[in-house]
């Protein structure tokens, strides 16, 4: 499904290039970071370009504006026939478009909406606001009122679109969200039907998203939220890890306390169990699943994904 969606996007870009047949073309392809979604898009694009007999030069940045500018300048120096860019930010792209236009090289964009400035050859992406609305519809069905919002990389437009769509989705459904649309990023803002109790950016990657979820759980406690809106699959992996580790820690702490209590009652030193876990009566054993469900809201103990046209970048529920 992800490959199919990316295939349509890449076909759209290739279709707008309109090169004359015959001469081999060289394409300069820049990605802002080593995001899984970006990688998949590049692989599809390169396969299609290779079929056309084109050469693709690629550069992967580390999420900074100077890297995008330097890559575009280098591609211009190499006299490529066209540029394909997954941008760092619209502001950075505006500068790159000026350089590309001056050199007479068309610049095409994928995924994140670029500024519609002179020099832009075309853009292919998704309706991120609508993606957010789909996630909101799922959240409403699950009666989510206290939300943790883990956004993607801020400043690219994609994360903001998904957030806007999510909030709009509640409002369109007639839900009271207070001033949320005017208070993005403000913890605790909202109305009786939706409050965002914790905001954070995972930058599209697992480790930063895990840190955001850890901070949220520490701040709110296990019963301080109903759901988490995580804006792509990779960040969801990190958020789930944080939740599972929090559940494991609480379960281990509770088990240690219960063991100490039994030890005192049995005359054994603290830390010594009167029976082993394998010999304990079935009624005394607790499965990891039941432990985790006591620690976190039941709706957060399993992965739940909304169905959208863009699986890897899709709004994701946990």
C-alpha atoms as a PDB file:
ATOM      1  CA  UNK A   1       0.000   0.000   0.000  1.00  0.00           C
ATOM      2  CA  UNK A   2       2.779   2.442   0.892  1.00  0.00           C
ATOM      3  CA  UNK A   3       4.640   1.567  -2.311  1.00  0.00           C
ATOM      4  CA  UNK A   4       1.482   2.120  -4.361  1.00  0.00           C
ATOM      5  CA  UNK A   5       0.861   5.552  -2.860  1.00  0.00           C
ATOM      6  CA  UNK A   6       4.464   6.578  -3.448  1.00  0.00           C
ATOM      7  CA  UNK A   7       4.292   5.218  -6.979  1.00  0.00           C
ATOM      8  CA  UNK A   8       1.459   7.609  -7.820  1.00  0.00           C
ATOM      9  CA  UNK A   9       3.410  10.537  -6.348  1.00  0.00           C
ATOM     10  CA  UNK A  10       6.573   9.697  -8.272  1.00  0.00           C
ATOM     11  CA  UNK A  11       4.665   9.148 -11.511  1.00  0.00           C
ATOM     12  CA  UNK A  12       3.157  12.606 -11.020  1.00  0.00           C
ATOM     13  CA  UNK A  13       6.606  14.201 -10.740  1.00  0.00           C
ATOM     14  CA  UNK A  14       8.052  12.250 -13.650  1.00  0.00           C
ATOM     15  CA  UNK A  15       5.026  13.130 -15.745  1.00  0.00           C
ATOM     16  CA  UNK A  16       5.518  16.866 -15.240  1.00  0.00           C
ATOM     17  CA  UNK A  17       9.196  16.843 -16.236  1.00  0.00           C
ATOM     18  CA  UNK A  18       8.408  16.485 -19.940  1.00  0.00           C
ATOM     19  CA  UNK A  19      11.937  15.845 -21.216  1.00  0.00           C
ATOM     20  CA  UNK A  20      12.493  15.226 -24.887  1.00  0.00           C
ATOM     21  CA  UNK A  21      13.371  11.656 -25.816  1.00  0.00           C
ATOM     22  CA  UNK A  22      16.891  10.647 -26.735  1.00  0.00           C
ATOM     23  CA  UNK A  23      19.510  12.226 -24.494  1.00  0.00           C
ATOM     24  CA  UNK A  24      20.136  10.695 -21.078  1.00  0.00           C
ATOM     25  CA  UNK A  25      19.013  12.990 -18.297  1.00  0.00           C
ATOM     26  CA  UNK A  26      20.695  13.576 -14.940  1.00  0.00           C
ATOM     27  CA  UNK A  27      18.482  14.332 -11.946  1.00  0.00           C
ATOM     28  CA  UNK A  28      19.706  15.801  -8.666  1.00  0.00           C
ATOM     29  CA  UNK A  29      17.608  14.379  -5.800  1.00  0.00           C
ATOM     30  CA  UNK A  30      17.801  15.860  -2.287  1.00  0.00           C
ATOM     31  CA  UNK A  31      16.166  14.450   0.881  1.00  0.00           C
ATOM     32  CA  UNK A  32      16.096  16.481   4.097  1.00  0.00           C
ATOM     33  CA  UNK A  33      16.793  13.422   6.292  1.00  0.00           C
ATOM     34  CA  UNK A  34      17.062   9.624   6.287  1.00  0.00           C
ATOM     35  CA  UNK A  35      13.365   9.206   7.084  1.00  0.00           C
ATOM     36  CA  UNK A  36      11.929   5.804   6.037  1.00  0.00           C
ATOM     37  CA  UNK A  37       9.214   7.507   4.021  1.00  0.00           C
ATOM     38  CA  UNK A  38      11.753   9.609   2.138  1.00  0.00           C
ATOM     39  CA  UNK A  39      13.869   6.507   1.456  1.00  0.00           C
ATOM     40  CA  UNK A  40      10.906   4.602   0.059  1.00  0.00           C
ATOM     41  CA  UNK A  41       9.980   7.544  -2.158  1.00  0.00           C
ATOM     42  CA  UNK A  42      13.536   7.765  -3.487  1.00  0.00           C
ATOM     43  CA  UNK A  43      13.665   4.046  -4.251  1.00  0.00           C
ATOM     44  CA  UNK A  44      10.464   4.248  -6.267  1.00  0.00           C
ATOM     45  CA  UNK A  45      11.602   7.393  -8.092  1.00  0.00           C
ATOM     46  CA  UNK A  46      15.002   5.904  -8.919  1.00  0.00           C
ATOM     47  CA  UNK A  47      13.432   2.702 -10.259  1.00  0.00           C
ATOM     48  CA  UNK A  48      11.133   4.682 -12.535  1.00  0.00           C
ATOM     49  CA  UNK A  49      13.933   7.019 -13.641  1.00  0.00           C
ATOM     50  CA  UNK A  50      16.233   4.075 -14.397  1.00  0.00           C
ATOM     51  CA  UNK A  51      13.504   2.609 -16.568  1.00  0.00           C
ATOM     52  CA  UNK A  52      13.607   5.864 -18.564  1.00  0.00           C
ATOM     53  CA  UNK A  53      17.385   5.656 -18.868  1.00  0.00           C
ATOM     54  CA  UNK A  54      18.027   8.596 -16.510  1.00  0.00           C
ATOM     55  CA  UNK A  55      20.807   8.931 -13.961  1.00  0.00           C
ATOM     56  CA  UNK A  56      19.851   9.991 -10.420  1.00  0.00           C
ATOM     57  CA  UNK A  57      22.354  11.689  -8.094  1.00  0.00           C
ATOM     58  CA  UNK A  58      21.149  11.712  -4.507  1.00  0.00           C
ATOM     59  CA  UNK A  59      22.123  13.569  -1.352  1.00  0.00           C
ATOM     60  CA  UNK A  60      20.656  12.929   2.111  1.00  0.00           C
ATOM     61  CA  UNK A  61      20.802  15.724   4.682  1.00  0.00           C
ATOM     62  CA  UNK A  62      20.606  15.716   8.452  1.00  0.00           C
ATOM     63  CA  UNK A  63      17.625  18.031   8.694  1.00  0.00           C
ATOM     64  CA  UNK A  64      19.317  21.427   8.360  1.00  0.00           C
ATOM     65  CA  UNK A  65      18.665  24.298   5.954  1.00  0.00           C
ATOM     66  CA  UNK A  66      22.323  24.867   4.914  1.00  0.00           C
ATOM     67  CA  UNK A  67      22.539  21.255   3.707  1.00  0.00           C
ATOM     68  CA  UNK A  68      19.623  21.719   1.331  1.00  0.00           C
ATOM     69  CA  UNK A  69      21.082  24.938  -0.062  1.00  0.00           C
ATOM     70  CA  UNK A  70      24.548  23.387  -0.467  1.00  0.00           C
ATOM     71  CA  UNK A  71      23.121  20.320  -2.215  1.00  0.00           C
ATOM     72  CA  UNK A  72      21.122  22.410  -4.664  1.00  0.00           C
ATOM     73  CA  UNK A  73      24.147  24.609  -5.383  1.00  0.00           C
ATOM     74  CA  UNK A  74      26.279  21.514  -5.992  1.00  0.00           C
ATOM     75  CA  UNK A  75      23.701  20.004  -8.338  1.00  0.00           C
ATOM     76  CA  UNK A  76      23.580  23.290 -10.259  1.00  0.00           C
ATOM     77  CA  UNK A  77      27.364  23.255 -10.544  1.00  0.00           C
ATOM     78  CA  UNK A  78      27.144  19.704 -11.942  1.00  0.00           C
ATOM     79  CA  UNK A  79      24.639  21.011 -14.516  1.00  0.00           C
ATOM     80  CA  UNK A  80      21.906  18.476 -13.777  1.00  0.00           C
ATOM     81  CA  UNK A  81      18.810  18.563 -15.959  1.00  0.00           C
ATOM     82  CA  UNK A  82      16.338  18.842 -13.091  1.00  0.00           C
ATOM     83  CA  UNK A  83      16.139  18.907  -9.309  1.00  0.00           C
ATOM     84  CA  UNK A  84      13.839  16.896  -7.041  1.00  0.00           C
ATOM     85  CA  UNK A  85      13.714  18.092  -3.432  1.00  0.00           C
ATOM     86  CA  UNK A  86      12.158  16.913  -0.171  1.00  0.00           C
ATOM     87  CA  UNK A  87      12.520  20.239   1.583  1.00  0.00           C
ATOM     88  CA  UNK A  88      13.792  21.352   4.966  1.00  0.00           C
ATOM     89  CA  UNK A  89      11.398  24.300   5.084  1.00  0.00           C
ATOM     90  CA  UNK A  90       9.493  26.572   2.690  1.00  0.00           C
ATOM     91  CA  UNK A  91      11.891  29.418   3.534  1.00  0.00           C
ATOM     92  CA  UNK A  92      14.910  27.347   2.540  1.00  0.00           C
ATOM     93  CA  UNK A  93      13.179  26.244  -0.639  1.00  0.00           C
ATOM     94  CA  UNK A  94      12.401  29.845  -1.605  1.00  0.00           C
ATOM     95  CA  UNK A  95      16.151  30.548  -1.665  1.00  0.00           C
ATOM     96  CA  UNK A  96      16.868  27.353  -3.619  1.00  0.00           C
ATOM     97  CA  UNK A  97      14.204  28.142  -6.215  1.00  0.00           C
ATOM     98  CA  UNK A  98      15.876  31.486  -6.944  1.00  0.00           C
ATOM     99  CA  UNK A  99      19.189  29.740  -7.552  1.00  0.00           C
ATOM    100  CA  UNK A 100      17.645  27.025  -9.733  1.00  0.00           C
ATOM    101  CA  UNK A 101      15.663  29.539 -11.799  1.00  0.00           C
ATOM    102  CA  UNK A 102      18.763  31.654 -12.372  1.00  0.00           C
ATOM    103  CA  UNK A 103      20.553  28.552 -13.658  1.00  0.00           C
ATOM    104  CA  UNK A 104      17.631  27.567 -15.875  1.00  0.00           C
ATOM    105  CA  UNK A 105      17.064  24.268 -14.052  1.00  0.00           C
ATOM    106  CA  UNK A 106      13.515  23.234 -13.073  1.00  0.00           C
ATOM    107  CA  UNK A 107      13.005  22.252  -9.421  1.00  0.00           C
ATOM    108  CA  UNK A 108      10.323  19.750  -8.414  1.00  0.00           C
ATOM    109  CA  UNK A 109       9.171  18.976  -4.887  1.00  0.00           C
ATOM    110  CA  UNK A 110       7.851  15.920  -3.081  1.00  0.00           C
ATOM    111  CA  UNK A 111       5.965  15.396   0.209  1.00  0.00           C
ATOM    112  CA  UNK A 112       6.110  18.876   1.810  1.00  0.00           C
ATOM    113  CA  UNK A 113       4.312  21.796   0.191  1.00  0.00           C
ATOM    114  CA  UNK A 114       6.867  24.249  -1.262  1.00  0.00           C
ATOM    115  CA  UNK A 115       6.233  27.963  -1.817  1.00  0.00           C
ATOM    116  CA  UNK A 116       4.631  28.584  -5.207  1.00  0.00           C
ATOM    117  CA  UNK A 117       7.516  30.754  -6.372  1.00  0.00           C
ATOM    118  CA  UNK A 118       9.000  31.245  -9.850  1.00  0.00           C
ATOM    119  CA  UNK A 119      11.245  28.313 -10.719  1.00  0.00           C
ATOM    120  CA  UNK A 120       8.977  25.645  -9.218  1.00  0.00           C
ATOM    121  CA  UNK A 121       8.501  22.967 -11.844  1.00  0.00           C
ATOM    122  CA  UNK A 122       5.879  20.996  -9.937  1.00  0.00           C
ATOM    123  CA  UNK A 123       4.839  19.403  -6.671  1.00  0.00           C
ATOM    124  CA  UNK A 124       3.400  16.017  -5.711  1.00  0.00           C
ATOM    125  CA  UNK A 125       2.215  15.125  -2.230  1.00  0.00           C
ATOM    126  CA  UNK A 126      -0.844  14.391  -0.132  1.00  0.00           C
ATOM    127  CA  UNK A 127      -3.630  16.338   1.529  1.00  0.00           C
ATOM    128  CA  UNK A 128      -2.192  16.387   5.041  1.00  0.00           C
ATOM    129  CA  UNK A 129      -5.107  18.349   6.483  1.00  0.00           C
ATOM    130  CA  UNK A 130      -7.478  15.616   5.332  1.00  0.00           C
ATOM    131  CA  UNK A 131      -5.181  12.994   6.887  1.00  0.00           C
ATOM    132  CA  UNK A 132      -5.566  14.811  10.187  1.00  0.00           C
ATOM    133  CA  UNK A 133      -9.335  14.855   9.817  1.00  0.00           C
ATOM    134  CA  UNK A 134      -9.362  11.087   9.327  1.00  0.00           C
ATOM    135  CA  UNK A 135      -7.417  10.647  12.549  1.00  0.00           C
ATOM    136  CA  UNK A 136      -9.864  12.913  14.354  1.00  0.00           C
ATOM    137  CA  UNK A 137     -12.795  10.788  13.190  1.00  0.00           C
ATOM    138  CA  UNK A 138     -11.076   7.719  14.657  1.00  0.00           C
ATOM    139  CA  UNK A 139     -10.336   9.528  17.927  1.00  0.00           C
ATOM    140  CA  UNK A 140     -13.926  10.684  18.283  1.00  0.00           C
ATOM    141  CA  UNK A 141     -15.144   7.096  17.929  1.00  0.00           C
ATOM    142  CA  UNK A 142     -12.792   6.130  20.765  1.00  0.00           C
ATOM    143  CA  UNK A 143     -14.075   9.041  22.907  1.00  0.00           C
ATOM    144  CA  UNK A 144     -10.617  10.611  23.212  1.00  0.00           C
ATOM    145  CA  UNK A 145     -10.866  13.881  25.151  1.00  0.00           C
ATOM    146  CA  UNK A 146      -7.410  14.239  26.745  1.00  0.00           C
ATOM    147  CA  UNK A 147      -4.813  14.000  24.007  1.00  0.00           C
ATOM    148  CA  UNK A 148      -1.040  13.759  23.725  1.00  0.00           C
ATOM    149  CA  UNK A 149      -0.006  15.327  20.404  1.00  0.00           C
ATOM    150  CA  UNK A 150       3.316  14.114  18.949  1.00  0.00           C
ATOM    151  CA  UNK A 151       3.934  16.082  15.763  1.00  0.00           C
ATOM    152  CA  UNK A 152       6.475  15.570  13.013  1.00  0.00           C
ATOM    153  CA  UNK A 153       9.171  18.070  12.131  1.00  0.00           C
ATOM    154  CA  UNK A 154       7.841  21.561  12.671  1.00  0.00           C
ATOM    155  CA  UNK A 155       8.289  24.175   9.972  1.00  0.00           C
ATOM    156  CA  UNK A 156       7.897  21.869   6.961  1.00  0.00           C
ATOM    157  CA  UNK A 157       4.148  22.362   6.694  1.00  0.00           C
ATOM    158  CA  UNK A 158       3.243  18.677   6.782  1.00  0.00           C
ATOM    159  CA  UNK A 159       3.047  18.362  10.567  1.00  0.00           C
ATOM    160  CA  UNK A 160       1.124  21.618  10.858  1.00  0.00           C
ATOM    161  CA  UNK A 161      -1.342  20.405   8.234  1.00  0.00           C
ATOM    162  CA  UNK A 162      -2.001  17.154  10.078  1.00  0.00           C
ATOM    163  CA  UNK A 163      -2.449  18.997  13.377  1.00  0.00           C
ATOM    164  CA  UNK A 164      -4.806  21.523  11.805  1.00  0.00           C
ATOM    165  CA  UNK A 165      -6.822  18.744  10.193  1.00  0.00           C
ATOM    166  CA  UNK A 166      -7.111  16.851  13.463  1.00  0.00           C
ATOM    167  CA  UNK A 167      -8.421  19.868  15.356  1.00  0.00           C
ATOM    168  CA  UNK A 168     -10.732  20.807  12.476  1.00  0.00           C
ATOM    169  CA  UNK A 169     -12.070  17.258  12.467  1.00  0.00           C
ATOM    170  CA  UNK A 170     -13.319  17.631  16.028  1.00  0.00           C
ATOM    171  CA  UNK A 171     -14.763  21.063  15.306  1.00  0.00           C
ATOM    172  CA  UNK A 172     -16.553  19.893  12.145  1.00  0.00           C
ATOM    173  CA  UNK A 173     -18.070  17.069  14.184  1.00  0.00           C
ATOM    174  CA  UNK A 174     -19.632  19.687  16.478  1.00  0.00           C
ATOM    175  CA  UNK A 175     -17.246  19.022  19.348  1.00  0.00           C
ATOM    176  CA  UNK A 176     -16.219  21.702  21.836  1.00  0.00           C
ATOM    177  CA  UNK A 177     -12.475  22.274  21.385  1.00  0.00           C
ATOM    178  CA  UNK A 178     -12.377  25.750  22.900  1.00  0.00           C
ATOM    179  CA  UNK A 179      -9.630  27.922  21.431  1.00  0.00           C
ATOM    180  CA  UNK A 180      -7.413  25.039  20.259  1.00  0.00           C
ATOM    181  CA  UNK A 181      -7.186  26.221  16.652  1.00  0.00           C
ATOM    182  CA  UNK A 182      -5.715  29.487  17.929  1.00  0.00           C
ATOM    183  CA  UNK A 183      -3.637  27.885  20.691  1.00  0.00           C
ATOM    184  CA  UNK A 184      -1.571  25.248  18.888  1.00  0.00           C
ATOM    185  CA  UNK A 185       1.281  24.119  21.096  1.00  0.00           C
ATOM    186  CA  UNK A 186      -0.302  25.358  24.323  1.00  0.00           C
ATOM    187  CA  UNK A 187      -0.562  22.545  26.877  1.00  0.00           C
ATOM    188  CA  UNK A 188      -4.018  22.190  28.361  1.00  0.00           C
ATOM    189  CA  UNK A 189      -5.739  24.307  25.716  1.00  0.00           C
ATOM    190  CA  UNK A 190      -9.117  23.131  24.500  1.00  0.00           C
ATOM    191  CA  UNK A 191     -12.755  22.623  25.439  1.00  0.00           C
ATOM    192  CA  UNK A 192     -14.883  19.994  27.140  1.00  0.00           C
ATOM    193  CA  UNK A 193     -14.660  17.557  24.204  1.00  0.00           C
ATOM    194  CA  UNK A 194     -10.924  17.850  23.502  1.00  0.00           C
ATOM    195  CA  UNK A 195      -7.926  19.136  25.414  1.00  0.00           C
ATOM    196  CA  UNK A 196      -4.359  18.672  24.257  1.00  0.00           C
ATOM    197  CA  UNK A 197      -2.707  17.870  27.573  1.00  0.00           C
ATOM    198  CA  UNK A 198       0.794  17.481  26.132  1.00  0.00           C
ATOM    199  CA  UNK A 199       2.479  18.671  22.918  1.00  0.00           C
ATOM    200  CA  UNK A 200       5.828  17.627  21.487  1.00  0.00           C
ATOM    201  CA  UNK A 201       7.701  17.098  18.227  1.00  0.00           C
ATOM    202  CA  UNK A 202       9.375  13.807  17.359  1.00  0.00           C
ATOM    203  CA  UNK A 203      10.818  15.183  14.105  1.00  0.00           C
ATOM    204  CA  UNK A 204       9.503  12.069  12.237  1.00  0.00           C
ATOM    205  CA  UNK A 205      11.938   9.766  14.123  1.00  0.00           C
ATOM    206  CA  UNK A 206      11.496   7.093  16.801  1.00  0.00           C
ATOM    207  CA  UNK A 207      13.981   8.189  19.489  1.00  0.00           C
ATOM    208  CA  UNK A 208      12.792  11.814  19.811  1.00  0.00           C
ATOM    209  CA  UNK A 209       9.168  10.624  19.836  1.00  0.00           C
ATOM    210  CA  UNK A 210       9.999   8.125  22.578  1.00  0.00           C
ATOM    211  CA  UNK A 211      11.457  10.954  24.669  1.00  0.00           C
ATOM    212  CA  UNK A 212       8.307  13.042  24.155  1.00  0.00           C
ATOM    213  CA  UNK A 213       6.092  10.159  25.277  1.00  0.00           C
ATOM    214  CA  UNK A 214       8.315   9.479  28.298  1.00  0.00           C
ATOM    215  CA  UNK A 215       8.058  13.115  29.321  1.00  0.00           C
ATOM    216  CA  UNK A 216       4.284  13.052  28.819  1.00  0.00           C
ATOM    217  CA  UNK A 217       3.822   9.937  30.968  1.00  0.00           C
ATOM    218  CA  UNK A 218       6.059  11.400  33.682  1.00  0.00           C
ATOM    219  CA  UNK A 219       4.171  14.695  33.625  1.00  0.00           C
ATOM    220  CA  UNK A 220       0.615  13.368  33.335  1.00  0.00           C
ATOM    221  CA  UNK A 221       0.754   9.985  35.024  1.00  0.00           C
ATOM    222  CA  UNK A 222      -0.674   6.814  33.490  1.00  0.00           C
ATOM    223  CA  UNK A 223      -4.266   7.990  33.872  1.00  0.00           C
ATOM    224  CA  UNK A 224      -3.761  11.565  32.705  1.00  0.00           C
ATOM    225  CA  UNK A 225      -4.581  11.004  29.022  1.00  0.00           C
ATOM    226  CA  UNK A 226      -7.001   9.069  26.817  1.00  0.00           C
ATOM    227  CA  UNK A 227      -5.004   8.813  23.607  1.00  0.00           C
ATOM    228  CA  UNK A 228      -1.962   9.900  21.636  1.00  0.00           C
ATOM    229  CA  UNK A 229      -1.938  11.228  18.082  1.00  0.00           C
ATOM    230  CA  UNK A 230       1.414  10.356  16.499  1.00  0.00           C
ATOM    231  CA  UNK A 231       1.912  11.628  12.971  1.00  0.00           C
ATOM    232  CA  UNK A 232       3.896   8.775  11.378  1.00  0.00           C
ATOM    233  CA  UNK A 233       4.757   5.118  11.903  1.00  0.00           C
ATOM    234  CA  UNK A 234       8.405   5.597  12.844  1.00  0.00           C
ATOM    235  CA  UNK A 235       7.538   7.987  15.689  1.00  0.00           C
ATOM    236  CA  UNK A 236       4.781   5.606  16.752  1.00  0.00           C
ATOM    237  CA  UNK A 237       7.419   2.902  17.283  1.00  0.00           C
ATOM    238  CA  UNK A 238       9.257   5.146  19.746  1.00  0.00           C
ATOM    239  CA  UNK A 239       6.070   6.201  21.525  1.00  0.00           C
ATOM    240  CA  UNK A 240       4.998   2.580  21.944  1.00  0.00           C
ATOM    241  CA  UNK A 241       8.402   1.689  23.393  1.00  0.00           C
ATOM    242  CA  UNK A 242       8.033   4.444  25.980  1.00  0.00           C
ATOM    243  CA  UNK A 243       4.599   3.172  26.971  1.00  0.00           C
ATOM    244  CA  UNK A 244       5.711  -0.443  27.167  1.00  0.00           C
ATOM    245  CA  UNK A 245       8.734   0.464  29.279  1.00  0.00           C
ATOM    246  CA  UNK A 246       6.579   2.543  31.602  1.00  0.00           C
ATOM    247  CA  UNK A 247       4.189  -0.383  31.955  1.00  0.00           C
ATOM    248  CA  UNK A 248       7.057  -2.788  32.648  1.00  0.00           C
ATOM    249  CA  UNK A 249       8.588  -0.486  35.258  1.00  0.00           C
ATOM    250  CA  UNK A 250       5.301  -0.060  37.093  1.00  0.00           C
ATOM    251  CA  UNK A 251       4.626  -3.794  36.958  1.00  0.00           C
ATOM    252  CA  UNK A 252       8.106  -4.601  38.290  1.00  0.00           C
ATOM    253  CA  UNK A 253       7.741  -2.063  41.107  1.00  0.00           C
ATOM    254  CA  UNK A 254       4.374  -3.452  42.068  1.00  0.00           C
ATOM    255  CA  UNK A 255       5.699  -7.014  41.991  1.00  0.00           C
ATOM    256  CA  UNK A 256       8.673  -6.109  44.207  1.00  0.00           C
ATOM    257  CA  UNK A 257       6.379  -4.486  46.774  1.00  0.00           C
ATOM    258  CA  UNK A 258       4.084  -7.508  46.801  1.00  0.00           C
ATOM    259  CA  UNK A 259       7.073  -9.851  47.207  1.00  0.00           C
ATOM    260  CA  UNK A 260       8.416  -7.870  50.150  1.00  0.00           C
ATOM    261  CA  UNK A 261       4.999  -7.967  51.792  1.00  0.00           C
ATOM    262  CA  UNK A 262       4.699 -11.740  51.358  1.00  0.00           C
ATOM    263  CA  UNK A 263       8.244 -12.223  52.618  1.00  0.00           C
ATOM    264  CA  UNK A 264       7.506 -10.300  55.802  1.00  0.00           C
ATOM    265  CA  UNK A 265       4.348 -12.315  56.356  1.00  0.00           C
ATOM    266  CA  UNK A 266       6.128 -15.632  55.808  1.00  0.00           C
ATOM    267  CA  UNK A 267       9.100 -14.880  58.024  1.00  0.00           C
ATOM    268  CA  UNK A 268      11.506 -14.787  55.064  1.00  0.00           C
ATOM    269  CA  UNK A 269      13.984 -11.932  54.548  1.00  0.00           C
ATOM    270  CA  UNK A 270      12.774  -9.145  52.200  1.00  0.00           C
ATOM    271  CA  UNK A 271      13.392 -10.079  48.581  1.00  0.00           C
ATOM    272  CA  UNK A 272      13.023 -13.850  49.206  1.00  0.00           C
ATOM    273  CA  UNK A 273       9.899 -15.335  47.704  1.00  0.00           C
ATOM    274  CA  UNK A 274       7.984 -18.086  49.520  1.00  0.00           C
ATOM    275  CA  UNK A 275       7.373 -19.730  46.132  1.00  0.00           C
ATOM    276  CA  UNK A 276       8.767 -19.433  42.641  1.00  0.00           C
ATOM    277  CA  UNK A 277       6.792 -17.963  39.798  1.00  0.00           C
ATOM    278  CA  UNK A 278       6.418 -21.377  38.204  1.00  0.00           C
ATOM    279  CA  UNK A 279       5.098 -22.954  41.378  1.00  0.00           C
ATOM    280  CA  UNK A 280       2.715 -20.167  42.329  1.00  0.00           C
ATOM    281  CA  UNK A 281      -0.969 -21.012  42.214  1.00  0.00           C
ATOM    282  CA  UNK A 282      -2.585 -19.817  38.964  1.00  0.00           C
ATOM    283  CA  UNK A 283      -4.708 -17.302  40.846  1.00  0.00           C
ATOM    284  CA  UNK A 284      -1.544 -15.594  42.104  1.00  0.00           C
ATOM    285  CA  UNK A 285       0.041 -15.136  38.671  1.00  0.00           C
ATOM    286  CA  UNK A 286      -0.498 -11.995  36.638  1.00  0.00           C
ATOM    287  CA  UNK A 287       0.076 -11.829  32.904  1.00  0.00           C
ATOM    288  CA  UNK A 288       2.136  -8.972  31.445  1.00  0.00           C
ATOM    289  CA  UNK A 289      -0.897  -7.936  29.415  1.00  0.00           C
ATOM    290  CA  UNK A 290      -3.123  -7.496  32.431  1.00  0.00           C
ATOM    291  CA  UNK A 291      -0.391  -5.560  34.198  1.00  0.00           C
ATOM    292  CA  UNK A 292       0.008  -3.160  31.309  1.00  0.00           C
ATOM    293  CA  UNK A 293      -3.712  -2.583  31.107  1.00  0.00           C
ATOM    294  CA  UNK A 294      -3.867  -1.600  34.760  1.00  0.00           C
ATOM    295  CA  UNK A 295      -1.029   0.835  34.297  1.00  0.00           C
ATOM    296  CA  UNK A 296      -2.138   2.584  31.093  1.00  0.00           C
ATOM    297  CA  UNK A 297      -5.606   3.321  29.753  1.00  0.00           C
ATOM    298  CA  UNK A 298      -6.908   0.192  28.050  1.00  0.00           C
ATOM    299  CA  UNK A 299      -7.205   1.940  24.704  1.00  0.00           C
ATOM    300  CA  UNK A 300      -3.467   2.674  24.758  1.00  0.00           C
ATOM    301  CA  UNK A 301      -2.235  -0.876  25.276  1.00  0.00           C
ATOM    302  CA  UNK A 302      -2.625  -1.895  21.658  1.00  0.00           C
ATOM    303  CA  UNK A 303      -1.705  -0.322  18.343  1.00  0.00           C
ATOM    304  CA  UNK A 304      -4.577   1.279  16.498  1.00  0.00           C
ATOM    305  CA  UNK A 305      -3.994   2.886  13.096  1.00  0.00           C
ATOM    306  CA  UNK A 306      -6.433   4.973  11.149  1.00  0.00           C
ATOM    307  CA  UNK A 307      -6.818   4.038   7.512  1.00  0.00           C
ATOM    308  CA  UNK A 308      -5.548   6.746   5.158  1.00  0.00           C
ATOM    309  CA  UNK A 309      -4.177   7.025   1.676  1.00  0.00           C
ATOM    310  CA  UNK A 310      -0.675   7.559   3.042  1.00  0.00           C
ATOM    311  CA  UNK A 311       0.253   4.692   5.405  1.00  0.00           C
ATOM    312  CA  UNK A 312       3.806   5.632   6.344  1.00  0.00           C
ATOM    313  CA  UNK A 313       3.050   9.300   6.920  1.00  0.00           C
ATOM    314  CA  UNK A 314      -0.467   8.637   8.106  1.00  0.00           C
ATOM    315  CA  UNK A 315      -1.931   9.875  11.370  1.00  0.00           C
ATOM    316  CA  UNK A 316      -1.365   6.969  13.716  1.00  0.00           C
ATOM    317  CA  UNK A 317      -3.144   6.004  16.906  1.00  0.00           C
ATOM    318  CA  UNK A 318      -1.604   4.206  19.815  1.00  0.00           C
END
